[in-house]
PDB file of N, CA and C in Angstrom:
ATOM      1  N   GLU A   1       2.417  -8.628 -27.536  1.00  0.00           N
ATOM      2  CA  GLU A   1       2.462  -6.979 -26.923  1.00  0.00           C
ATOM      3  C   GLU A   1       2.529  -7.128 -25.286  1.00  0.00           C
ATOM      4  N   LEU A   2       3.215  -6.498 -24.629  1.00  0.00           N
ATOM      5  CA  LEU A   2       3.287  -6.874 -23.130  1.00  0.00           C
ATOM      6  C   LEU A   2       2.423  -5.874 -22.152  1.00  0.00           C
ATOM      7  N   LEU A   3       1.129  -5.845 -22.397  1.00  0.00           N
ATOM      8  CA  LEU A   3       0.104  -4.694 -21.980  1.00  0.00           C
ATOM      9  C   LEU A   3       0.506  -4.496 -20.296  1.00  0.00           C
ATOM     10  N   GLY A   4       0.359  -6.048 -19.732  1.00  0.00           N
ATOM     11  CA  GLY A   4       1.113  -6.151 -18.355  1.00  0.00           C
ATOM     12  C   GLY A   4       1.992  -5.958 -17.574  1.00  0.00           C
ATOM     13  N   GLN A   5       2.844  -5.365 -18.661  1.00  0.00           N
ATOM     14  CA  GLN A   5       4.342  -4.460 -18.027  1.00  0.00           C
ATOM     15  C   GLN A   5       4.418  -3.022 -18.741  1.00  0.00           C
ATOM     16  N   LEU A   6       3.023  -2.500 -19.293  1.00  0.00           N
ATOM     17  CA  LEU A   6       2.986  -1.184 -19.456  1.00  0.00           C
ATOM     18  C   LEU A   6       3.378  -0.046 -18.206  1.00  0.00           C
ATOM     19  N   ASP A   7       4.104   0.956 -18.549  1.00  0.00           N
ATOM     20  CA  ASP A   7       4.310   1.719 -17.262  1.00  0.00           C
ATOM     21  C   ASP A   7       3.355   3.083 -17.320  1.00  0.00           C
ATOM     22  N   THR A   8       2.381   2.964 -17.231  1.00  0.00           N
ATOM     23  CA  THR A   8       0.974   3.524 -17.506  1.00  0.00           C
ATOM     24  C   THR A   8       1.443   4.799 -16.889  1.00  0.00           C
ATOM     25  N   ALA A   9       2.302   4.938 -15.680  1.00  0.00           N
ATOM     26  CA  ALA A   9       2.749   5.924 -14.459  1.00  0.00           C
ATOM     27  C   ALA A   9       3.697   7.112 -15.769  1.00  0.00           C
ATOM     28  N   VAL A  10       4.633   6.277 -16.700  1.00  0.00           N
ATOM     29  CA  VAL A  10       5.169   7.297 -17.787  1.00  0.00           C
ATOM     30  C   VAL A  10       4.493   7.840 -17.907  1.00  0.00           C
ATOM     31  N   LEU A  11       3.416   7.275 -19.204  1.00  0.00           N
ATOM     32  CA  LEU A  11       2.338   7.981 -19.997  1.00  0.00           C
ATOM     33  C   LEU A  11       1.602   9.311 -18.933  1.00  0.00           C
ATOM     34  N   ARG A  12       0.854   8.964 -17.753  1.00  0.00           N
ATOM     35  CA  ARG A  12       0.743   9.755 -17.323  1.00  0.00           C
ATOM     36  C   ARG A  12       1.050  11.092 -16.829  1.00  0.00           C
ATOM     37  N   SER A  13       2.683  11.051 -16.597  1.00  0.00           N
ATOM     38  CA  SER A  13       3.658  11.776 -16.415  1.00  0.00           C
ATOM     39  C   SER A  13       4.240  12.929 -17.270  1.00  0.00           C
ATOM     40  N   GLY A  14       3.411  12.536 -18.684  1.00  0.00           N
ATOM     41  CA  GLY A  14       3.940  13.238 -19.733  1.00  0.00           C
ATOM     42  C   GLY A  14       5.406  13.675 -20.468  1.00  0.00           C
ATOM     43  N   ARG A  15       6.112  12.658 -20.060  1.00  0.00           N
ATOM     44  CA  ARG A  15       7.422  12.144 -20.210  1.00  0.00           C
ATOM     45  C   ARG A  15       7.403  11.667 -21.554  1.00  0.00           C
ATOM     46  N   VAL A  16       6.104  10.771 -21.722  1.00  0.00           N
ATOM     47  CA  VAL A  16       5.903  10.419 -23.547  1.00  0.00           C
ATOM     48  C   VAL A  16       4.170  10.466 -23.568  1.00  0.00           C
ATOM     49  N   SER A  17       4.095  11.461 -24.568  1.00  0.00           N
ATOM     50  CA  SER A  17       2.688  11.802 -24.620  1.00  0.00           C
ATOM     51  C   SER A  17       1.831  10.648 -25.359  1.00  0.00           C
ATOM     52  N   MET A  18       0.759  10.538 -25.264  1.00  0.00           N
ATOM     53  CA  MET A  18      -0.264   9.887 -26.025  1.00  0.00           C
ATOM     54  C   MET A  18      -0.250   9.776 -27.235  1.00  0.00           C
ATOM     55  N   GLU A  19       0.327  10.879 -27.654  1.00  0.00           N
ATOM     56  CA  GLU A  19       0.350  11.538 -29.136  1.00  0.00           C
ATOM     57  C   GLU A  19       1.586  10.508 -29.860  1.00  0.00           C
ATOM     58  N   GLU A  20       2.937  10.792 -28.743  1.00  0.00           N
ATOM     59  CA  GLU A  20       3.889   9.877 -29.699  1.00  0.00           C
ATOM     60  C   GLU A  20       3.790   8.297 -29.217  1.00  0.00           C
ATOM     61  N   ALA A  21       3.081   7.721 -28.256  1.00  0.00           N
ATOM     62  CA  ALA A  21       2.848   6.605 -27.959  1.00  0.00           C
ATOM     63  C   ALA A  21       2.001   5.788 -29.292  1.00  0.00           C
ATOM     64  N   PHE A  22       0.920   6.737 -29.689  1.00  0.00           N
ATOM     65  CA  PHE A  22       0.241   5.983 -30.956  1.00  0.00           C
ATOM     66  C   PHE A  22       1.065   6.775 -32.160  1.00  0.00           C
ATOM     67  N   ARG A  23       1.796   7.384 -32.244  1.00  0.00           N
ATOM     68  CA  ARG A  23       2.551   7.266 -33.681  1.00  0.00           C
ATOM     69  C   ARG A  23       3.406   6.140 -33.454  1.00  0.00           C
ATOM     70  N   HIS A  24       3.917   5.485 -32.519  1.00  0.00           N
ATOM     71  CA  HIS A  24       4.877   4.948 -32.202  1.00  0.00           C
ATOM     72  C   HIS A  24       3.766   3.559 -32.793  1.00  0.00           C
ATOM     73  N   PHE A  25       2.851   3.331 -32.352  1.00  0.00           N
ATOM     74  CA  PHE A  25       1.930   2.117 -32.711  1.00  0.00           C
ATOM     75  C   PHE A  25       1.588   1.988 -33.936  1.00  0.00           C
ATOM     76  N   ILE A  26       1.096   3.150 -34.774  1.00  0.00           N
ATOM     77  CA  ILE A  26       1.028   3.398 -36.429  1.00  0.00           C
ATOM     78  C   ILE A  26       2.173   3.035 -36.953  1.00  0.00           C
ATOM     79  N   PHE A  27       3.095   3.458 -36.494  1.00  0.00           N
ATOM     80  CA  PHE A  27       4.407   3.580 -37.478  1.00  0.00           C
ATOM     81  C   PHE A  27       5.075   1.614 -37.634  1.00  0.00           C
ATOM     82  N   ILE A  28       4.673   1.378 -36.497  1.00  0.00           N
ATOM     83  CA  ILE A  28       4.650  -0.546 -36.467  1.00  0.00           C
ATOM     84  C   ILE A  28       3.890  -1.349 -37.031  1.00  0.00           C
ATOM     85  N   HIS A  29       2.608  -0.725 -37.237  1.00  0.00           N
ATOM     86  CA  HIS A  29       1.453  -1.210 -38.189  1.00  0.00           C
ATOM     87  C   HIS A  29       1.798  -0.888 -39.574  1.00  0.00           C
ATOM     88  N   GLU A  30       1.907   0.079 -39.657  1.00  0.00           N
ATOM     89  CA  GLU A  30       2.180   0.419 -41.267  1.00  0.00           C
ATOM     90  C   GLU A  30       3.789   0.155 -41.657  1.00  0.00           C
ATOM     91  N   TYR A  31       4.616  -0.468 -40.851  1.00  0.00           N
ATOM     92  CA  TYR A  31       5.612  -1.118 -41.255  1.00  0.00           C
ATOM     93  C   TYR A  31       5.104  -2.300 -41.621  1.00  0.00           C
ATOM     94  N   ALA A  32       4.611  -3.157 -40.871  1.00  0.00           N
ATOM     95  CA  ALA A  32       4.216  -4.861 -40.613  1.00  0.00           C
ATOM     96  C   ALA A  32       3.394  -4.396 -42.296  1.00  0.00           C
ATOM     97  N   ALA A  33       2.712  -3.357 -42.876  1.00  0.00           N
ATOM     98  CA  ALA A  33       1.523  -3.472 -43.879  1.00  0.00           C
ATOM     99  C   ALA A  33       2.637  -2.920 -45.069  1.00  0.00           C
ATOM    100  N   LEU A  34       3.626  -2.678 -45.083  1.00  0.00           N
ATOM    101  CA  LEU A  34       4.897  -2.509 -46.405  1.00  0.00           C
ATOM    102  C   LEU A  34       5.238  -3.541 -46.655  1.00  0.00           C
ATOM    103  N   LYS A  35       5.876  -4.399 -45.286  1.00  0.00           N
ATOM    104  CA  LYS A  35       6.337  -5.749 -44.997  1.00  0.00           C
ATOM    105  C   LYS A  35       6.172  -6.300 -45.991  1.00  0.00           C
ATOM    106  N   PHE A  36       4.547  -6.614 -45.657  1.00  0.00           N
ATOM    107  CA  PHE A  36       4.330  -7.722 -46.180  1.00  0.00           C
ATOM    108  C   PHE A  36       2.790  -7.508 -46.675  1.00  0.00           C
ATOM    109  N   GLU A  37       3.179  -6.817 -48.190  1.00  0.00           N
ATOM    110  CA  GLU A  37       2.505  -5.764 -48.678  1.00  0.00           C
ATOM    111  C   GLU A  37       1.482  -6.915 -49.637  1.00  0.00           C
ATOM    112  N   GLY A  38       0.220  -6.649 -49.664  1.00  0.00           N
ATOM    113  CA  GLY A  38      -0.880  -7.233 -50.085  1.00  0.00           C
ATOM    114  C   GLY A  38      -1.968  -7.082 -49.452  1.00  0.00           C
ATOM    115  N   GLU A  39      -2.991  -7.285 -49.651  1.00  0.00           N
ATOM    116  CA  GLU A  39      -4.504  -6.955 -48.755  1.00  0.00           C
ATOM    117  C   GLU A  39      -4.714  -8.335 -48.029  1.00  0.00           C
ATOM    118  N   GLU A  40      -3.922  -9.402 -48.696  1.00  0.00           N
ATOM    119  CA  GLU A  40      -4.625 -10.836 -48.367  1.00  0.00           C
ATOM    120  C   GLU A  40      -3.648 -11.150 -47.033  1.00  0.00           C
ATOM    121  N   THR A  41      -2.716 -10.004 -46.089  1.00  0.00           N
ATOM    122  CA  THR A  41      -1.855  -9.756 -45.303  1.00  0.00           C
ATOM    123  C   THR A  41      -2.596  -9.922 -43.809  1.00  0.00           C
ATOM    124  N   GLU A  42      -2.840 -10.752 -43.224  1.00  0.00           N
ATOM    125  CA  GLU A  42      -3.464 -10.303 -41.592  1.00  0.00           C
ATOM    126  C   GLU A  42      -2.646 -10.315 -40.724  1.00  0.00           C
ATOM    127  N   LEU A  43      -3.063  -9.538 -39.841  1.00  0.00           N
ATOM    128  CA  LEU A  43      -2.368  -9.526 -38.440  1.00  0.00           C
ATOM    129  C   LEU A  43      -3.125 -10.209 -37.343  1.00  0.00           C
ATOM    130  N   VAL A  44      -2.205 -10.612 -36.695  1.00  0.00           N
ATOM    131  CA  VAL A  44      -2.805 -11.659 -35.064  1.00  0.00           C
ATOM    132  C   VAL A  44      -2.041 -10.743 -33.709  1.00  0.00           C
ATOM    133  N   THR A  45      -2.731 -10.021 -32.658  1.00  0.00           N
ATOM    134  CA  THR A  45      -1.990  -9.402 -32.281  1.00  0.00           C
ATOM    135  C   THR A  45      -2.014 -10.600 -30.636  1.00  0.00           C
ATOM    136  N   VAL A  46      -1.150 -10.444 -30.290  1.00  0.00           N
ATOM    137  CA  VAL A  46      -1.041 -10.901 -28.548  1.00  0.00           C
ATOM    138  C   VAL A  46      -1.017 -10.088 -27.767  1.00  0.00           C
ATOM    139  N   LEU A  47      -1.752  -9.940 -26.806  1.00  0.00           N
ATOM    140  CA  LEU A  47      -1.472  -9.182 -25.855  1.00  0.00           C
ATOM    141  C   LEU A  47      -1.193  -9.696 -24.353  1.00  0.00           C
ATOM    142  N   ASP A  48      -0.384 -10.152 -24.015  1.00  0.00           N
ATOM    143  CA  ASP A  48       0.127 -10.502 -22.775  1.00  0.00           C
ATOM    144  C   ASP A  48      -0.154  -9.773 -21.349  1.00  0.00           C
ATOM    145  N   VAL A  49      -1.242  -9.569 -20.728  1.00  0.00           N
ATOM    146  CA  VAL A  49      -1.732  -8.700 -19.457  1.00  0.00           C
ATOM    147  C   VAL A  49      -1.156  -9.715 -18.381  1.00  0.00           C
ATOM    148  N   ALA A  50      -0.153 -10.285 -18.442  1.00  0.00           N
ATOM    149  CA  ALA A  50       0.235 -10.874 -17.267  1.00  0.00           C
ATOM    150  C   ALA A  50       1.260  -9.516 -16.051  1.00  0.00           C
ATOM    151  N   GLY A  51       0.733  -9.745 -15.044  1.00  0.00           N
ATOM    152  CA  GLY A  51       0.753  -8.399 -14.218  1.00  0.00           C
ATOM    153  C   GLY A  51       0.449  -7.581 -14.166  1.00  0.00           C
ATOM    154  N   LEU A  52      -0.803  -7.280 -14.876  1.00  0.00           N
ATOM    155  CA  LEU A  52      -1.585  -5.961 -14.772  1.00  0.00           C
ATOM    156  C   LEU A  52      -2.160  -6.208 -13.954  1.00  0.00           C
ATOM    157  N   ARG A  53      -2.456  -5.253 -12.948  1.00  0.00           N
ATOM    158  CA  ARG A  53      -2.761  -4.879 -11.636  1.00  0.00           C
ATOM    159  C   ARG A  53      -4.216  -4.666 -12.184  1.00  0.00           C
ATOM    160  N   PHE A  54      -4.802  -4.893 -11.257  1.00  0.00           N
ATOM    161  CA  PHE A  54      -6.728  -4.382 -11.157  1.00  0.00           C
ATOM    162  C   PHE A  54      -6.761  -2.709 -11.295  1.00  0.00           C
ATOM    163  N   SER A  55      -5.512  -2.513  -9.894  1.00  0.00           N
ATOM    164  CA  SER A  55      -5.410  -0.532  -9.661  1.00  0.00           C
ATOM    165  C   SER A  55      -4.860  -0.041 -10.779  1.00  0.00           C
ATOM    166  N   GLU A  56      -4.384  -0.646 -11.804  1.00  0.00           N
ATOM    167  CA  GLU A  56      -3.693   0.072 -13.014  1.00  0.00           C
ATOM    168  C   GLU A  56      -4.898   0.495 -14.509  1.00  0.00           C
ATOM    169  N   VAL A  57      -6.171  -0.351 -14.186  1.00  0.00           N
ATOM    170  CA  VAL A  57      -6.918  -0.210 -14.632  1.00  0.00           C
ATOM    171  C   VAL A  57      -7.924   1.335 -14.277  1.00  0.00           C
ATOM    172  N   ASN A  58      -7.873   2.159 -15.479  1.00  0.00           N
ATOM    173  CA  ASN A  58      -8.088   2.947 -15.009  1.00  0.00           C
ATOM    174  C   ASN A  58      -8.860   3.720 -16.601  1.00  0.00           C
ATOM    175  N   SER A  59      -9.419   4.950 -16.175  1.00  0.00           N
ATOM    176  CA  SER A  59      -9.726   5.698 -17.726  1.00  0.00           C
ATOM    177  C   SER A  59      -8.766   5.622 -18.689  1.00  0.00           C
ATOM    178  N   PHE A  60      -7.714   6.197 -18.237  1.00  0.00           N
ATOM    179  CA  PHE A  60      -6.276   5.948 -19.235  1.00  0.00           C
ATOM    180  C   PHE A  60      -6.204   5.073 -19.882  1.00  0.00           C
ATOM    181  N   LEU A  61      -6.317   4.095 -19.046  1.00  0.00           N
ATOM    182  CA  LEU A  61      -5.755   2.941 -19.642  1.00  0.00           C
ATOM    183  C   LEU A  61      -6.879   2.388 -20.376  1.00  0.00           C
ATOM    184  N   LEU A  62      -8.078   2.429 -20.300  1.00  0.00           N
ATOM    185  CA  LEU A  62      -9.173   2.061 -21.078  1.00  0.00           C
ATOM    186  C   LEU A  62      -9.501   3.158 -22.262  1.00  0.00           C
ATOM    187  N   ARG A  63      -8.643   4.451 -22.095  1.00  0.00           N
ATOM    188  CA  ARG A  63      -8.755   5.008 -23.443  1.00  0.00           C
ATOM    189  C   ARG A  63      -7.743   5.122 -24.088  1.00  0.00           C
ATOM    190  N   LEU A  64      -6.486   4.237 -23.727  1.00  0.00           N
ATOM    191  CA  LEU A  64      -5.453   3.896 -24.123  1.00  0.00           C
ATOM    192  C   LEU A  64      -5.685   2.503 -25.202  1.00  0.00           C
ATOM    193  N   VAL A  65      -6.361   1.637 -24.679  1.00  0.00           N
ATOM    194  CA  VAL A  65      -7.223   0.476 -24.974  1.00  0.00           C
ATOM    195  C   VAL A  65      -8.087   0.991 -26.092  1.00  0.00           C
ATOM    196  N   ALA A  66      -8.912   1.727 -26.080  1.00  0.00           N
ATOM    197  CA  ALA A  66      -9.777   2.146 -26.964  1.00  0.00           C
ATOM    198  C   ALA A  66      -9.586   2.671 -28.159  1.00  0.00           C
ATOM    199  N   THR A  67      -8.601   3.610 -27.881  1.00  0.00           N
ATOM    200  CA  THR A  67      -7.512   4.483 -29.060  1.00  0.00           C
ATOM    201  C   THR A  67      -7.343   3.722 -30.030  1.00  0.00           C
ATOM    202  N   ALA A  68      -6.508   2.865 -29.563  1.00  0.00           N
ATOM    203  CA  ALA A  68      -5.226   1.899 -30.276  1.00  0.00           C
ATOM    204  C   ALA A  68      -6.642   0.859 -31.060  1.00  0.00           C
ATOM    205  N   SER A  69      -7.428   0.314 -30.119  1.00  0.00           N
ATOM    206  CA  SER A  69      -8.449  -0.370 -31.508  1.00  0.00           C
ATOM    207  C   SER A  69      -8.707   0.299 -32.411  1.00  0.00           C
ATOM    208  N   ASP A  70      -9.229   1.649 -32.192  1.00  0.00           N
ATOM    209  CA  ASP A  70     -10.250   2.742 -33.172  1.00  0.00           C
ATOM    210  C   ASP A  70      -8.951   2.407 -34.059  1.00  0.00           C
ATOM    211  N   VAL A  71      -7.421   2.910 -33.940  1.00  0.00           N
ATOM    212  CA  VAL A  71      -6.510   3.145 -35.145  1.00  0.00           C
ATOM    213  C   VAL A  71      -6.170   1.679 -35.932  1.00  0.00           C
ATOM    214  N   LEU A  72      -6.237   0.901 -35.225  1.00  0.00           N
ATOM    215  CA  LEU A  72      -6.373  -0.510 -36.379  1.00  0.00           C
ATOM    216  C   LEU A  72      -7.592  -0.442 -36.937  1.00  0.00           C
ATOM    217  N   ASN A  73      -8.773  -0.396 -36.502  1.00  0.00           N
ATOM    218  CA  ASN A  73      -9.890  -0.675 -37.288  1.00  0.00           C
ATOM    219  C   ASN A  73      -9.867   0.126 -38.411  1.00  0.00           C
ATOM    220  N   ASN A  74      -9.435   1.748 -38.016  1.00  0.00           N
ATOM    221  CA  ASN A  74      -9.391   2.453 -39.212  1.00  0.00           C
ATOM    222  C   ASN A  74      -8.282   2.447 -40.166  1.00  0.00           C
ATOM    223  N   LEU A  75      -7.312   2.275 -39.412  1.00  0.00           N
ATOM    224  CA  LEU A  75      -5.977   2.026 -40.513  1.00  0.00           C
ATOM    225  C   LEU A  75      -6.119   0.906 -41.287  1.00  0.00           C
ATOM    226  N   ALA A  76      -6.724  -0.422 -40.948  1.00  0.00           N
ATOM    227  CA  ALA A  76      -6.701  -1.210 -41.943  1.00  0.00           C
ATOM    228  C   ALA A  76      -7.101  -2.544 -41.412  1.00  0.00           C
ATOM    229  N   PRO A  77      -8.853  -2.213 -41.446  1.00  0.00           N
ATOM    230  CA  PRO A  77      -9.874  -3.240 -40.333  1.00  0.00           C
ATOM    231  C   PRO A  77      -9.806  -4.689 -41.370  1.00  0.00           C
ATOM    232  N   PHE A  78      -9.349  -4.600 -42.131  1.00  0.00           N
ATOM    233  CA  PHE A  78      -8.950  -5.894 -42.811  1.00  0.00           C
ATOM    234  C   PHE A  78      -8.221  -6.947 -42.165  1.00  0.00           C
ATOM    235  N   ARG A  79      -7.004  -6.291 -41.992  1.00  0.00           N
ATOM    236  CA  ARG A  79      -5.513  -6.504 -41.954  1.00  0.00           C
ATOM    237  C   ARG A  79      -5.908  -7.584 -40.376  1.00  0.00           C
ATOM    238  N   VAL A  80      -6.452  -6.731 -39.218  1.00  0.00           N
ATOM    239  CA  VAL A  80      -6.531  -7.503 -38.007  1.00  0.00           C
ATOM    240  C   VAL A  80      -7.426  -8.900 -38.139  1.00  0.00           C
ATOM    241  N   ARG A  81      -6.838 -10.158 -38.055  1.00  0.00           N
ATOM    242  CA  ARG A  81      -7.622 -11.426 -38.118  1.00  0.00           C
ATOM    243  C   ARG A  81      -7.901 -11.489 -36.646  1.00  0.00           C
ATOM    244  N   ARG A  82      -7.249 -11.772 -35.533  1.00  0.00           N
ATOM    245  CA  ARG A  82      -7.794 -11.814 -33.951  1.00  0.00           C
ATOM    246  C   ARG A  82      -6.328 -11.093 -33.399  1.00  0.00           C
ATOM    247  N   ILE A  83      -7.245 -11.074 -32.180  1.00  0.00           N
ATOM    248  CA  ILE A  83      -6.626 -10.181 -30.841  1.00  0.00           C
ATOM    249  C   ILE A  83      -6.564 -11.267 -29.901  1.00  0.00           C
ATOM    250  N   PHE A  84      -5.513 -12.196 -29.184  1.00  0.00           N
ATOM    251  CA  PHE A  84      -5.552 -12.997 -27.879  1.00  0.00           C
ATOM    252  C   PHE A  84      -5.397 -12.217 -26.700  1.00  0.00           C
ATOM    253  N   ILE A  85      -5.688 -12.361 -25.844  1.00  0.00           N
ATOM    254  CA  ILE A  85      -5.313 -11.773 -24.713  1.00  0.00           C
ATOM    255  C   ILE A  85      -4.655 -13.020 -23.745  1.00  0.00           C
ATOM    256  N   LEU A  86      -3.613 -12.906 -23.648  1.00  0.00           N
ATOM    257  CA  LEU A  86      -2.651 -14.051 -22.846  1.00  0.00           C
ATOM    258  C   LEU A  86      -2.759 -13.778 -21.231  1.00  0.00           C
ATOM    259  N   ASN A  87      -2.536 -14.672 -20.496  1.00  0.00           N
ATOM    260  CA  ASN A  87      -2.362 -14.674 -18.860  1.00  0.00           C
ATOM    261  C   ASN A  87      -3.265 -13.650 -18.268  1.00  0.00           C
ATOM    262  N   ALA A  88      -4.419 -14.035 -18.521  1.00  0.00           N
ATOM    263  CA  ALA A  88      -5.388 -12.806 -18.216  1.00  0.00           C
ATOM    264  C   ALA A  88      -5.800 -13.526 -16.651  1.00  0.00           C
ATOM    265  N   PRO A  89      -5.618 -11.661 -15.955  1.00  0.00           N
ATOM    266  CA  PRO A  89      -6.262 -12.201 -14.279  1.00  0.00           C
ATOM    267  C   PRO A  89      -7.480 -12.496 -14.257  1.00  0.00           C
ATOM    268  N   SER A  90      -8.257 -13.194 -13.067  1.00  0.00           N
ATOM    269  CA  SER A  90      -9.524 -13.361 -13.111  1.00  0.00           C
ATOM    270  C   SER A  90     -10.529 -12.253 -12.763  1.00  0.00           C
ATOM    271  N   TRP A  91     -10.046 -11.158 -12.892  1.00  0.00           N
ATOM    272  CA  TRP A  91     -11.249 -10.053 -12.548  1.00  0.00           C
ATOM    273  C   TRP A  91     -11.034  -9.406 -14.394  1.00  0.00           C
ATOM    274  N   ILE A  92     -10.432  -9.809 -15.270  1.00  0.00           N
ATOM    275  CA  ILE A  92     -10.404  -9.277 -16.412  1.00  0.00           C
ATOM    276  C   ILE A  92     -11.375  -8.820 -17.366  1.00  0.00           C
ATOM    277  N   ASN A  93     -12.747 -10.587 -17.094  1.00  0.00           N
ATOM    278  CA  ASN A  93     -14.023 -10.249 -17.372  1.00  0.00           C
ATOM    279  C   ASN A  93     -14.459  -8.832 -17.505  1.00  0.00           C
ATOM    280  N   MET A  94     -14.632  -8.465 -15.955  1.00  0.00           N
ATOM    281  CA  MET A  94     -15.183  -7.500 -15.648  1.00  0.00           C
ATOM    282  C   MET A  94     -14.778  -6.452 -16.570  1.00  0.00           C
ATOM    283  N   VAL A  95     -13.563  -6.060 -16.746  1.00  0.00           N
ATOM    284  CA  VAL A  95     -13.342  -5.047 -17.262  1.00  0.00           C
ATOM    285  C   VAL A  95     -13.771  -5.086 -19.143  1.00  0.00           C
ATOM    286  N   TRP A  96     -13.264  -6.257 -19.388  1.00  0.00           N
ATOM    287  CA  TRP A  96     -13.283  -6.721 -21.091  1.00  0.00           C
ATOM    288  C   TRP A  96     -14.994  -6.250 -21.280  1.00  0.00           C
ATOM    289  N   ASN A  97     -16.364  -6.427 -20.101  1.00  0.00           N
ATOM    290  CA  ASN A  97     -17.517  -6.212 -20.489  1.00  0.00           C
ATOM    291  C   ASN A  97     -17.987  -4.822 -20.728  1.00  0.00           C
ATOM    292  N   VAL A  98     -16.772  -3.613 -19.858  1.00  0.00           N
ATOM    293  CA  VAL A  98     -16.583  -2.276 -20.204  1.00  0.00           C
ATOM    294  C   VAL A  98     -16.088  -2.142 -21.215  1.00  0.00           C
ATOM    295  N   LEU A  99     -14.912  -2.376 -21.627  1.00  0.00           N
ATOM    296  CA  LEU A  99     -14.966  -2.231 -22.817  1.00  0.00           C
ATOM    297  C   LEU A  99     -15.437  -2.405 -23.783  1.00  0.00           C
ATOM    298  N   LYS A 100     -16.153  -3.568 -24.356  1.00  0.00           N
ATOM    299  CA  LYS A 100     -17.331  -4.142 -25.239  1.00  0.00           C
ATOM    300  C   LYS A 100     -17.639  -3.205 -25.577  1.00  0.00           C
ATOM    301  N   LYS A 101     -18.627  -2.808 -25.144  1.00  0.00           N
ATOM    302  CA  LYS A 101     -19.237  -1.254 -24.648  1.00  0.00           C
ATOM    303  C   LYS A 101     -18.754  -0.081 -25.520  1.00  0.00           C
ATOM    304  N   VAL A 102     -17.419  -0.119 -25.453  1.00  0.00           N
ATOM    305  CA  VAL A 102     -16.764   1.317 -26.301  1.00  0.00           C
ATOM    306  C   VAL A 102     -16.232   0.870 -27.461  1.00  0.00           C
ATOM    307  N   LEU A 103     -16.159  -0.477 -27.841  1.00  0.00           N
ATOM    308  CA  LEU A 103     -15.270  -0.815 -29.105  1.00  0.00           C
ATOM    309  C   LEU A 103     -16.287  -1.233 -29.660  1.00  0.00           C
ATOM    310  N   PRO A 104     -15.383  -1.316 -31.204  1.00  0.00           N
ATOM    311  CA  PRO A 104     -16.441  -1.200 -32.483  1.00  0.00           C
ATOM    312  C   PRO A 104     -16.822  -2.966 -32.743  1.00  0.00           C
ATOM    313  N   GLN A 105     -17.783  -3.711 -32.650  1.00  0.00           N
ATOM    314  CA  GLN A 105     -18.379  -4.664 -32.550  1.00  0.00           C
ATOM    315  C   GLN A 105     -17.470  -5.612 -33.493  1.00  0.00           C
ATOM    316  N   SER A 106     -17.182  -4.843 -35.074  1.00  0.00           N
ATOM    317  CA  SER A 106     -15.936  -5.574 -35.924  1.00  0.00           C
ATOM    318  C   SER A 106     -14.479  -5.891 -35.015  1.00  0.00           C
ATOM    319  N   VAL A 107     -14.481  -5.304 -34.051  1.00  0.00           N
ATOM    320  CA  VAL A 107     -13.220  -5.397 -32.855  1.00  0.00           C
ATOM    321  C   VAL A 107     -13.326  -6.706 -31.733  1.00  0.00           C
ATOM    322  N   THR A 108     -14.347  -6.510 -31.736  1.00  0.00           N
ATOM    323  CA  THR A 108     -14.450  -7.314 -30.270  1.00  0.00           C
ATOM    324  C   THR A 108     -15.012  -8.522 -30.687  1.00  0.00           C
ATOM    325  N   ALA A 109     -15.209  -9.194 -31.847  1.00  0.00           N
ATOM    326  CA  ALA A 109     -15.431 -10.141 -32.306  1.00  0.00           C
ATOM    327  C   ALA A 109     -14.115 -11.158 -32.625  1.00  0.00           C
ATOM    328  N   LYS A 110     -13.244 -10.224 -32.706  1.00  0.00           N
ATOM    329  CA  LYS A 110     -11.924 -11.032 -33.156  1.00  0.00           C
ATOM    330  C   LYS A 110     -11.174 -11.566 -31.766  1.00  0.00           C
ATOM    331  N   VAL A 111     -11.550 -10.467 -30.875  1.00  0.00           N
ATOM    332  CA  VAL A 111     -10.642 -10.667 -29.333  1.00  0.00           C
ATOM    333  C   VAL A 111     -11.348 -12.401 -28.922  1.00  0.00           C
ATOM    334  N   ASN A 112     -10.044 -13.027 -28.591  1.00  0.00           N
ATOM    335  CA  ASN A 112      -9.929 -14.208 -27.709  1.00  0.00           C
ATOM    336  C   ASN A 112      -9.433 -13.934 -26.526  1.00  0.00           C
ATOM    337  N   ILE A 113      -9.929 -14.464 -25.183  1.00  0.00           N
ATOM    338  CA  ILE A 113      -9.385 -14.122 -24.143  1.00  0.00           C
ATOM    339  C   ILE A 113      -9.278 -15.356 -23.658  1.00  0.00           C
ATOM    340  N   LEU A 114      -7.573 -15.675 -23.520  1.00  0.00           N
ATOM    341  CA  LEU A 114      -7.424 -17.247 -22.831  1.00  0.00           C
ATOM    342  C   LEU A 114      -6.328 -17.096 -21.215  1.00  0.00           C
TER     343      LEU A 114
END
């Protein structure tokens, strides 16, 4: 997932609603669950944050990430094995410390920032 290339202005404009974005997100994960049937199937999420500017990190983006995490945690908690964050800018640790407070520990334990 190319979080660093996410156009949050489009989401904030209302052209794509948060509900539509999450419907798509859930569809992708449900498809993967059906395609690779069985509880032994585990998912690895790779978030490439290259290009993400600190100015784009606002309450909207934090809510987007927290809601996506909540969906994964409730939809298929046993399927999420690891979440890798690649190309993290130097300020990402400050944001991560905020996110850790709102994300479930079961999710934060699976996150690796590289």
